[in-house]
């Protein structure tokens, strides 16, 4: 027959193992939430980068138009 001390230790080990599994489940859930949040942030950063790229393209186009306007104004002043 097992001594009461061994039975107590076995119960304590069983409780400890259960507590470890609960902690691991909590950690896993937290990591999943963090992963989801990082994916959301990645999508937002990508959207910001796309917007910045579009704005840079638009600005480049405006620069070309401004250069053309300045060239026209300069050529008109030479004709006078």
PDB file of N, CA and C in Angstrom:
ATOM      1  N   UNK A   1       0.826  -1.174   0.000  1.00  0.00           N
ATOM      2  CA  UNK A   1       0.000   0.000   0.000  1.00  0.00           C
ATOM      3  C   UNK A   1       0.881   1.251   0.000  1.00  0.00           C
ATOM      4  N   UNK A   2       0.431   2.254  -0.704  1.00  0.00           N
ATOM      5  CA  UNK A   2       1.202   3.487  -0.807  1.00  0.00           C
ATOM      6  C   UNK A   2       1.038   4.303   0.461  1.00  0.00           C
ATOM      7  N   UNK A   3       2.115   4.931   0.804  1.00  0.00           N
ATOM      8  CA  UNK A   3       2.055   5.755   2.012  1.00  0.00           C
ATOM      9  C   UNK A   3       1.292   7.048   1.725  1.00  0.00           C
ATOM     10  N   UNK A   4       0.721   7.663   2.744  1.00  0.00           N
ATOM     11  CA  UNK A   4      -0.012   8.920   2.549  1.00  0.00           C
ATOM     12  C   UNK A   4       0.888  10.014   1.957  1.00  0.00           C
ATOM     13  N   UNK A   5       2.170   9.978   2.284  1.00  0.00           N
ATOM     14  CA  UNK A   5       3.093  10.996   1.760  1.00  0.00           C
ATOM     15  C   UNK A   5       3.251  10.857   0.241  1.00  0.00           C
ATOM     16  N   UNK A   6       3.351   9.631  -0.245  1.00  0.00           N
ATOM     17  CA  UNK A   6       3.475   9.409  -1.690  1.00  0.00           C
ATOM     18  C   UNK A   6       2.185   9.821  -2.389  1.00  0.00           C
ATOM     19  N   UNK A   7       1.059   9.466  -1.821  1.00  0.00           N
ATOM     20  CA  UNK A   7      -0.221   9.861  -2.423  1.00  0.00           C
ATOM     21  C   UNK A   7      -0.348  11.381  -2.488  1.00  0.00           C
ATOM     22  N   UNK A   8       0.073  12.053  -1.441  1.00  0.00           N
ATOM     23  CA  UNK A   8       0.023  13.521  -1.431  1.00  0.00           C
ATOM     24  C   UNK A   8       0.928  14.099  -2.514  1.00  0.00           C
ATOM     25  N   UNK A   9       2.124  13.530  -2.653  1.00  0.00           N
ATOM     26  CA  UNK A   9       3.057  14.015  -3.675  1.00  0.00           C
ATOM     27  C   UNK A   9       2.518  13.774  -5.077  1.00  0.00           C
ATOM     28  N   UNK A  10       1.896  12.647  -5.299  1.00  0.00           N
ATOM     29  CA  UNK A  10       1.313  12.341  -6.610  1.00  0.00           C
ATOM     30  C   UNK A  10       0.190  13.322  -6.919  1.00  0.00           C
ATOM     31  N   UNK A  11      -0.663  13.600  -5.943  1.00  0.00           N
ATOM     32  CA  UNK A  11      -1.746  14.576  -6.155  1.00  0.00           C
ATOM     33  C   UNK A  11      -1.166  15.959  -6.449  1.00  0.00           C
ATOM     34  N   UNK A  12      -0.126  16.337  -5.711  1.00  0.00           N
ATOM     35  CA  UNK A  12       0.497  17.643  -5.928  1.00  0.00           C
ATOM     36  C   UNK A  12       1.106  17.722  -7.327  1.00  0.00           C
ATOM     37  N   UNK A  13       1.793  16.671  -7.756  1.00  0.00           N
ATOM     38  CA  UNK A  13       2.360  16.643  -9.109  1.00  0.00           C
ATOM     39  C   UNK A  13       1.264  16.736 -10.160  1.00  0.00           C
ATOM     40  N   UNK A  14       0.163  16.023  -9.933  1.00  0.00           N
ATOM     41  CA  UNK A  14      -0.962  16.078 -10.857  1.00  0.00           C
ATOM     42  C   UNK A  14      -1.522  17.498 -10.933  1.00  0.00           C
ATOM     43  N   UNK A  15      -1.658  18.137  -9.778  1.00  0.00           N
ATOM     44  CA  UNK A  15      -2.128  19.526  -9.749  1.00  0.00           C
ATOM     45  C   UNK A  15      -1.142  20.456 -10.454  1.00  0.00           C
ATOM     46  N   UNK A  16       0.152  20.235 -10.232  1.00  0.00           N
ATOM     47  CA  UNK A  16       1.167  21.063 -10.878  1.00  0.00           C
ATOM     48  C   UNK A  16       1.129  20.912 -12.401  1.00  0.00           C
ATOM     49  N   UNK A  17       0.989  19.672 -12.861  1.00  0.00           N
ATOM     50  CA  UNK A  17       0.914  19.421 -14.306  1.00  0.00           C
ATOM     51  C   UNK A  17      -0.313  20.116 -14.885  1.00  0.00           C
ATOM     52  N   UNK A  18      -1.436  20.013 -14.207  1.00  0.00           N
ATOM     53  CA  UNK A  18      -2.658  20.678 -14.680  1.00  0.00           C
ATOM     54  C   UNK A  18      -2.459  22.193 -14.730  1.00  0.00           C
ATOM     55  N   UNK A  19      -1.814  22.743 -13.720  1.00  0.00           N
ATOM     56  CA  UNK A  19      -1.557  24.190 -13.697  1.00  0.00           C
ATOM     57  C   UNK A  19      -0.651  24.602 -14.848  1.00  0.00           C
ATOM     58  N   UNK A  20       0.353  23.789 -15.160  1.00  0.00           N
ATOM     59  CA  UNK A  20       1.256  24.083 -16.280  1.00  0.00           C
ATOM     60  C   UNK A  20       0.475  24.074 -17.595  1.00  0.00           C
ATOM     61  N   UNK A  21      -0.395  23.083 -17.783  1.00  0.00           N
ATOM     62  CA  UNK A  21      -1.200  23.036 -19.002  1.00  0.00           C
ATOM     63  C   UNK A  21      -2.114  24.257 -19.119  1.00  0.00           C
ATOM     64  N   UNK A  22      -2.666  24.706 -18.025  1.00  0.00           N
ATOM     65  CA  UNK A  22      -3.512  25.901 -18.049  1.00  0.00           C
ATOM     66  C   UNK A  22      -2.687  27.134 -18.421  1.00  0.00           C
ATOM     67  N   UNK A  23      -1.478  27.228 -17.873  1.00  0.00           N
ATOM     68  CA  UNK A  23      -0.602  28.354 -18.224  1.00  0.00           C
ATOM     69  C   UNK A  23      -0.235  28.320 -19.704  1.00  0.00           C
ATOM     70  N   UNK A  24       0.064  27.127 -20.203  1.00  0.00           N
ATOM     71  CA  UNK A  24       0.400  26.996 -21.620  1.00  0.00           C
ATOM     72  C   UNK A  24      -0.777  27.392 -22.507  1.00  0.00           C
ATOM     73  N   UNK A  25      -1.979  27.023 -22.112  1.00  0.00           N
ATOM     74  CA  UNK A  25      -3.173  27.400 -22.878  1.00  0.00           C
ATOM     75  C   UNK A  25      -3.345  28.919 -22.883  1.00  0.00           C
ATOM     76  N   UNK A  26      -3.087  29.548 -21.737  1.00  0.00           N
ATOM     77  CA  UNK A  26      -3.182  31.009 -21.653  1.00  0.00           C
ATOM     78  C   UNK A  26      -2.133  31.662 -22.549  1.00  0.00           C
ATOM     79  N   UNK A  27      -0.915  31.137 -22.514  1.00  0.00           N
ATOM     80  CA  UNK A  27       0.160  31.679 -23.358  1.00  0.00           C
ATOM     81  C   UNK A  27      -0.189  31.520 -24.830  1.00  0.00           C
ATOM     82  N   UNK A  28      -0.710  30.350 -25.188  1.00  0.00           N
ATOM     83  CA  UNK A  28      -1.092  30.114 -26.581  1.00  0.00           C
ATOM     84  C   UNK A  28      -2.164  31.103 -27.036  1.00  0.00           C
ATOM     85  N   UNK A  29      -3.157  31.329 -26.201  1.00  0.00           N
ATOM     86  CA  UNK A  29      -4.227  32.273 -26.549  1.00  0.00           C
ATOM     87  C   UNK A  29      -3.667  33.682 -26.717  1.00  0.00           C
ATOM     88  N   UNK A  30      -2.756  34.064 -25.831  1.00  0.00           N
ATOM     89  CA  UNK A  30      -2.142  35.391 -25.928  1.00  0.00           C
ATOM     90  C   UNK A  30      -1.343  35.519 -27.216  1.00  0.00           C
ATOM     91  N   UNK A  31      -0.586  34.494 -27.557  1.00  0.00           N
ATOM     92  CA  UNK A  31       0.203  34.532 -28.786  1.00  0.00           C
ATOM     93  C   UNK A  31      -0.697  34.619 -30.017  1.00  0.00           C
ATOM     94  N   UNK A  32      -1.817  33.927 -29.993  1.00  0.00           N
ATOM     95  CA  UNK A  32      -2.753  34.012 -31.114  1.00  0.00           C
ATOM     96  C   UNK A  32      -3.312  35.429 -31.246  1.00  0.00           C
ATOM     97  N   UNK A  33      -3.678  36.034 -30.107  1.00  0.00           N
ATOM     98  CA  UNK A  33      -4.184  37.405 -30.141  1.00  0.00           C
ATOM     99  C   UNK A  33      -3.110  38.343 -30.672  1.00  0.00           C
ATOM    100  N   UNK A  34      -1.887  38.175 -30.204  1.00  0.00           N
ATOM    101  CA  UNK A  34      -0.795  39.024 -30.675  1.00  0.00           C
ATOM    102  C   UNK A  34      -0.562  38.832 -32.171  1.00  0.00           C
ATOM    103  N   UNK A  35      -0.618  37.586 -32.616  1.00  0.00           N
ATOM    104  CA  UNK A  35      -0.447  37.307 -34.045  1.00  0.00           C
ATOM    105  C   UNK A  35      -1.527  37.978 -34.874  1.00  0.00           C
ATOM    106  N   UNK A  36      -2.765  37.886 -34.403  1.00  0.00           N
ATOM    107  CA  UNK A  36      -3.871  38.544 -35.118  1.00  0.00           C
ATOM    108  C   UNK A  36      -3.674  40.051 -35.163  1.00  0.00           C
ATOM    109  N   UNK A  37      -3.257  40.609 -34.046  1.00  0.00           N
ATOM    110  CA  UNK A  37      -3.051  42.065 -33.980  1.00  0.00           C
ATOM    111  C   UNK A  37      -1.905  42.487 -34.887  1.00  0.00           C
ATOM    112  N   UNK A  38      -0.838  41.700 -34.912  1.00  0.00           N
ATOM    113  CA  UNK A  38       0.280  42.020 -35.800  1.00  0.00           C
ATOM    114  C   UNK A  38      -0.150  41.965 -37.261  1.00  0.00           C
ATOM    115  N   UNK A  39      -1.004  41.013 -37.608  1.00  0.00           N
ATOM    116  CA  UNK A  39      -1.523  40.952 -38.980  1.00  0.00           C
ATOM    117  C   UNK A  39      -2.347  42.192 -39.308  1.00  0.00           C
ATOM    118  N   UNK A  40      -3.161  42.647 -38.361  1.00  0.00           N
ATOM    119  CA  UNK A  40      -3.949  43.862 -38.572  1.00  0.00           C
ATOM    120  C   UNK A  40      -3.035  45.070 -38.772  1.00  0.00           C
ATOM    121  N   UNK A  41      -2.006  45.164 -37.943  1.00  0.00           N
ATOM    122  CA  UNK A  41      -1.067  46.277 -38.055  1.00  0.00           C
ATOM    123  C   UNK A  41      -0.338  46.224 -39.388  1.00  0.00           C
ATOM    124  N   UNK A  42       0.045  45.023 -39.817  1.00  0.00           N
ATOM    125  CA  UNK A  42       0.728  44.857 -41.101  1.00  0.00           C
ATOM    126  C   UNK A  42      -0.153  45.351 -42.246  1.00  0.00           C
ATOM    127  N   UNK A  43      -1.440  45.016 -42.181  1.00  0.00           N
ATOM    128  CA  UNK A  43      -2.360  45.475 -43.224  1.00  0.00           C
ATOM    129  C   UNK A  43      -2.459  46.997 -43.245  1.00  0.00           C
ATOM    130  N   UNK A  44      -2.493  47.610 -42.068  1.00  0.00           N
ATOM    131  CA  UNK A  44      -2.582  49.071 -41.999  1.00  0.00           C
ATOM    132  C   UNK A  44      -1.302  49.724 -42.501  1.00  0.00           C
ATOM    133  N   UNK A  45      -0.149  49.151 -42.146  1.00  0.00           N
ATOM    134  CA  UNK A  45       1.123  49.706 -42.603  1.00  0.00           C
ATOM    135  C   UNK A  45       1.213  49.591 -44.127  1.00  0.00           C
ATOM    136  N   UNK A  46       0.757  48.475 -44.666  1.00  0.00           N
ATOM    137  CA  UNK A  46       0.755  48.296 -46.120  1.00  0.00           C
ATOM    138  C   UNK A  46      -0.150  49.330 -46.779  1.00  0.00           C
ATOM    139  N   UNK A  47      -1.306  49.589 -46.193  1.00  0.00           N
ATOM    140  CA  UNK A  47      -2.223  50.587 -46.747  1.00  0.00           C
ATOM    141  C   UNK A  47      -1.594  51.977 -46.706  1.00  0.00           C
ATOM    142  N   UNK A  48      -0.901  52.296 -45.619  1.00  0.00           N
ATOM    143  CA  UNK A  48      -0.234  53.600 -45.516  1.00  0.00           C
ATOM    144  C   UNK A  48       0.857  53.707 -46.572  1.00  0.00           C
ATOM    145  N   UNK A  49       1.634  52.645 -46.743  1.00  0.00           N
ATOM    146  CA  UNK A  49       2.704  52.647 -47.749  1.00  0.00           C
ATOM    147  C   UNK A  49       2.118  52.820 -49.148  1.00  0.00           C
ATOM    148  N   UNK A  50       1.002  52.158 -49.432  1.00  0.00           N
ATOM    149  CA  UNK A  50       0.349  52.301 -50.733  1.00  0.00           C
ATOM    150  C   UNK A  50      -0.123  53.740 -50.945  1.00  0.00           C
ATOM    151  N   UNK A  51      -0.690  54.334 -49.902  1.00  0.00           N
ATOM    152  CA  UNK A  51      -1.146  55.726 -49.988  1.00  0.00           C
ATOM    153  C   UNK A  51       0.022  56.657 -50.229  1.00  0.00           C
ATOM    154  N   UNK A  52       1.117  56.446 -49.517  1.00  0.00           N
ATOM    155  CA  UNK A  52       2.296  57.288 -49.706  1.00  0.00           C
ATOM    156  C   UNK A  52       2.844  57.153 -51.123  1.00  0.00           C
ATOM    157  N   UNK A  53       2.841  55.949 -51.645  1.00  0.00           N
ATOM    158  CA  UNK A  53       3.318  55.722 -53.010  1.00  0.00           C
ATOM    159  C   UNK A  53       2.436  56.455 -54.022  1.00  0.00           C
ATOM    160  N   UNK A  54       1.124  56.365 -53.814  1.00  0.00           N
ATOM    161  CA  UNK A  54       0.192  57.062 -54.711  1.00  0.00           C
ATOM    162  C   UNK A  54       0.389  58.576 -54.627  1.00  0.00           C
ATOM    163  N   UNK A  55       0.610  59.063 -53.412  1.00  0.00           N
ATOM    164  CA  UNK A  55       0.831  60.504 -53.247  1.00  0.00           C
ATOM    165  C   UNK A  55       2.135  60.931 -53.915  1.00  0.00           C
ATOM    166  N   UNK A  56       3.169  60.108 -53.815  1.00  0.00           N
ATOM    167  CA  UNK A  56       4.445  60.427 -54.461  1.00  0.00           C
ATOM    168  C   UNK A  56       4.279  60.463 -55.975  1.00  0.00           C
ATOM    169  N   UNK A  57       3.513  59.519 -56.515  1.00  0.00           N
ATOM    170  CA  UNK A  57       3.251  59.506 -57.957  1.00  0.00           C
ATOM    171  C   UNK A  57       2.494  60.761 -58.379  1.00  0.00           C
ATOM    172  N   UNK A  58       1.484  61.129 -57.599  1.00  0.00           N
ATOM    173  CA  UNK A  58       0.704  62.326 -57.910  1.00  0.00           C
ATOM    174  C   UNK A  58       1.575  63.569 -57.830  1.00  0.00           C
ATOM    175  N   UNK A  59       2.424  63.621 -56.826  1.00  0.00           N
ATOM    176  CA  UNK A  59       3.313  64.769 -56.661  1.00  0.00           C
ATOM    177  C   UNK A  59       4.304  64.859 -57.819  1.00  0.00           C
ATOM    178  N   UNK A  60       4.797  63.729 -58.277  1.00  0.00           N
ATOM    179  CA  UNK A  60       5.713  63.730 -59.414  1.00  0.00           C
ATOM    180  C   UNK A  60       5.001  64.256 -60.655  1.00  0.00           C
ATOM    181  N   UNK A  61       3.763  63.835 -60.847  1.00  0.00           N
ATOM    182  CA  UNK A  61       2.981  64.327 -61.977  1.00  0.00           C
ATOM    183  C   UNK A  61       2.737  65.828 -61.890  1.00  0.00           C
ATOM    184  N   UNK A  62       2.495  66.312 -60.686  1.00  0.00           N
ATOM    185  CA  UNK A  62       2.289  67.748 -60.504  1.00  0.00           C
ATOM    186  C   UNK A  62       3.572  68.511 -60.787  1.00  0.00           C
ATOM    187  N   UNK A  63       4.710  67.934 -60.410  1.00  0.00           N
ATOM    188  CA  UNK A  63       5.989  68.568 -60.691  1.00  0.00           C
ATOM    189  C   UNK A  63       6.226  68.698 -62.183  1.00  0.00           C
ATOM    190  N   UNK A  64       5.882  67.657 -62.925  1.00  0.00           N
ATOM    191  CA  UNK A  64       6.032  67.702 -64.383  1.00  0.00           C
ATOM    192  C   UNK A  64       5.126  68.782 -64.986  1.00  0.00           C
ATOM    193  N   UNK A  65       3.904  68.877 -64.505  1.00  0.00           N
ATOM    194  CA  UNK A  65       2.987  69.905 -64.999  1.00  0.00           C
ATOM    195  C   UNK A  65       3.510  71.296 -64.673  1.00  0.00           C
ATOM    196  N   UNK A  66       4.029  71.470 -63.455  1.00  0.00           N
ATOM    197  CA  UNK A  66       4.573  72.768 -63.063  1.00  0.00           C
ATOM    198  C   UNK A  66       5.765  73.137 -63.934  1.00  0.00           C
ATOM    199  N   UNK A  67       6.615  72.185 -64.236  1.00  0.00           N
ATOM    200  CA  UNK A  67       7.754  72.442 -65.123  1.00  0.00           C
ATOM    201  C   UNK A  67       7.266  72.884 -66.498  1.00  0.00           C
ATOM    202  N   UNK A  68       6.216  72.235 -67.000  1.00  0.00           N
ATOM    203  CA  UNK A  68       5.678  72.606 -68.310  1.00  0.00           C
ATOM    204  C   UNK A  68       5.092  74.014 -68.270  1.00  0.00           C
ATOM    205  N   UNK A  69       4.392  74.358 -67.204  1.00  0.00           N
ATOM    206  CA  UNK A  69       3.815  75.712 -67.060  1.00  0.00           C
ATOM    207  C   UNK A  69       4.924  76.749 -66.999  1.00  0.00           C
ATOM    208  N   UNK A  70       5.951  76.476 -66.215  1.00  0.00           N
ATOM    209  CA  UNK A  70       7.066  77.420 -66.121  1.00  0.00           C
ATOM    210  C   UNK A  70       7.755  77.595 -67.467  1.00  0.00           C
ATOM    211  N   UNK A  71       7.903  76.513 -68.200  1.00  0.00           N
ATOM    212  CA  UNK A  71       8.527  76.597 -69.524  1.00  0.00           C
ATOM    213  C   UNK A  71       7.682  77.458 -70.453  1.00  0.00           C
ATOM    214  N   UNK A  72       6.367  77.286 -70.418  1.00  0.00           N
ATOM    215  CA  UNK A  72       5.477  78.109 -71.240  1.00  0.00           C
ATOM    216  C   UNK A  72       5.573  79.582 -70.857  1.00  0.00           C
ATOM    217  N   UNK A  73       5.575  79.855 -69.545  1.00  0.00           N
ATOM    218  CA  UNK A  73       5.665  81.244 -69.094  1.00  0.00           C
ATOM    219  C   UNK A  73       7.013  81.857 -69.511  1.00  0.00           C
ATOM    220  N   UNK A  74       8.053  81.105 -69.402  1.00  0.00           N
ATOM    221  CA  UNK A  74       9.371  81.625 -69.789  1.00  0.00           C
ATOM    222  C   UNK A  74       9.435  81.854 -71.287  1.00  0.00           C
ATOM    223  N   UNK A  75       8.860  80.951 -72.063  1.00  0.00           N
ATOM    224  CA  UNK A  75       8.905  81.131 -73.522  1.00  0.00           C
ATOM    225  C   UNK A  75       8.039  82.307 -73.950  1.00  0.00           C
ATOM    226  N   UNK A  76       6.928  82.557 -73.264  1.00  0.00           N
ATOM    227  CA  UNK A  76       6.074  83.704 -73.569  1.00  0.00           C
ATOM    228  C   UNK A  76       6.786  85.011 -73.226  1.00  0.00           C
ATOM    229  N   UNK A  77       7.558  85.035 -72.166  1.00  0.00           N
ATOM    230  CA  UNK A  77       8.297  86.247 -71.791  1.00  0.00           C
ATOM    231  C   UNK A  77       9.415  86.520 -72.795  1.00  0.00           C
ATOM    232  N   UNK A  78       9.967  85.522 -73.427  1.00  0.00           N
ATOM    233  CA  UNK A  78      11.032  85.722 -74.424  1.00  0.00           C
ATOM    234  C   UNK A  78      10.461  86.271 -75.714  1.00  0.00           C
ATOM    235  N   UNK A  79       9.199  85.959 -75.998  1.00  0.00           N
ATOM    236  CA  UNK A  79       8.570  86.417 -77.231  1.00  0.00           C
ATOM    237  C   UNK A  79       8.215  87.899 -77.175  1.00  0.00           C
ATOM    238  N   UNK A  80       8.164  88.454 -76.014  1.00  0.00           N
ATOM    239  CA  UNK A  80       7.741  89.858 -75.876  1.00  0.00           C
ATOM    240  C   UNK A  80       8.873  90.791 -76.147  1.00  0.00           C
TER     241      UNK A  80
END
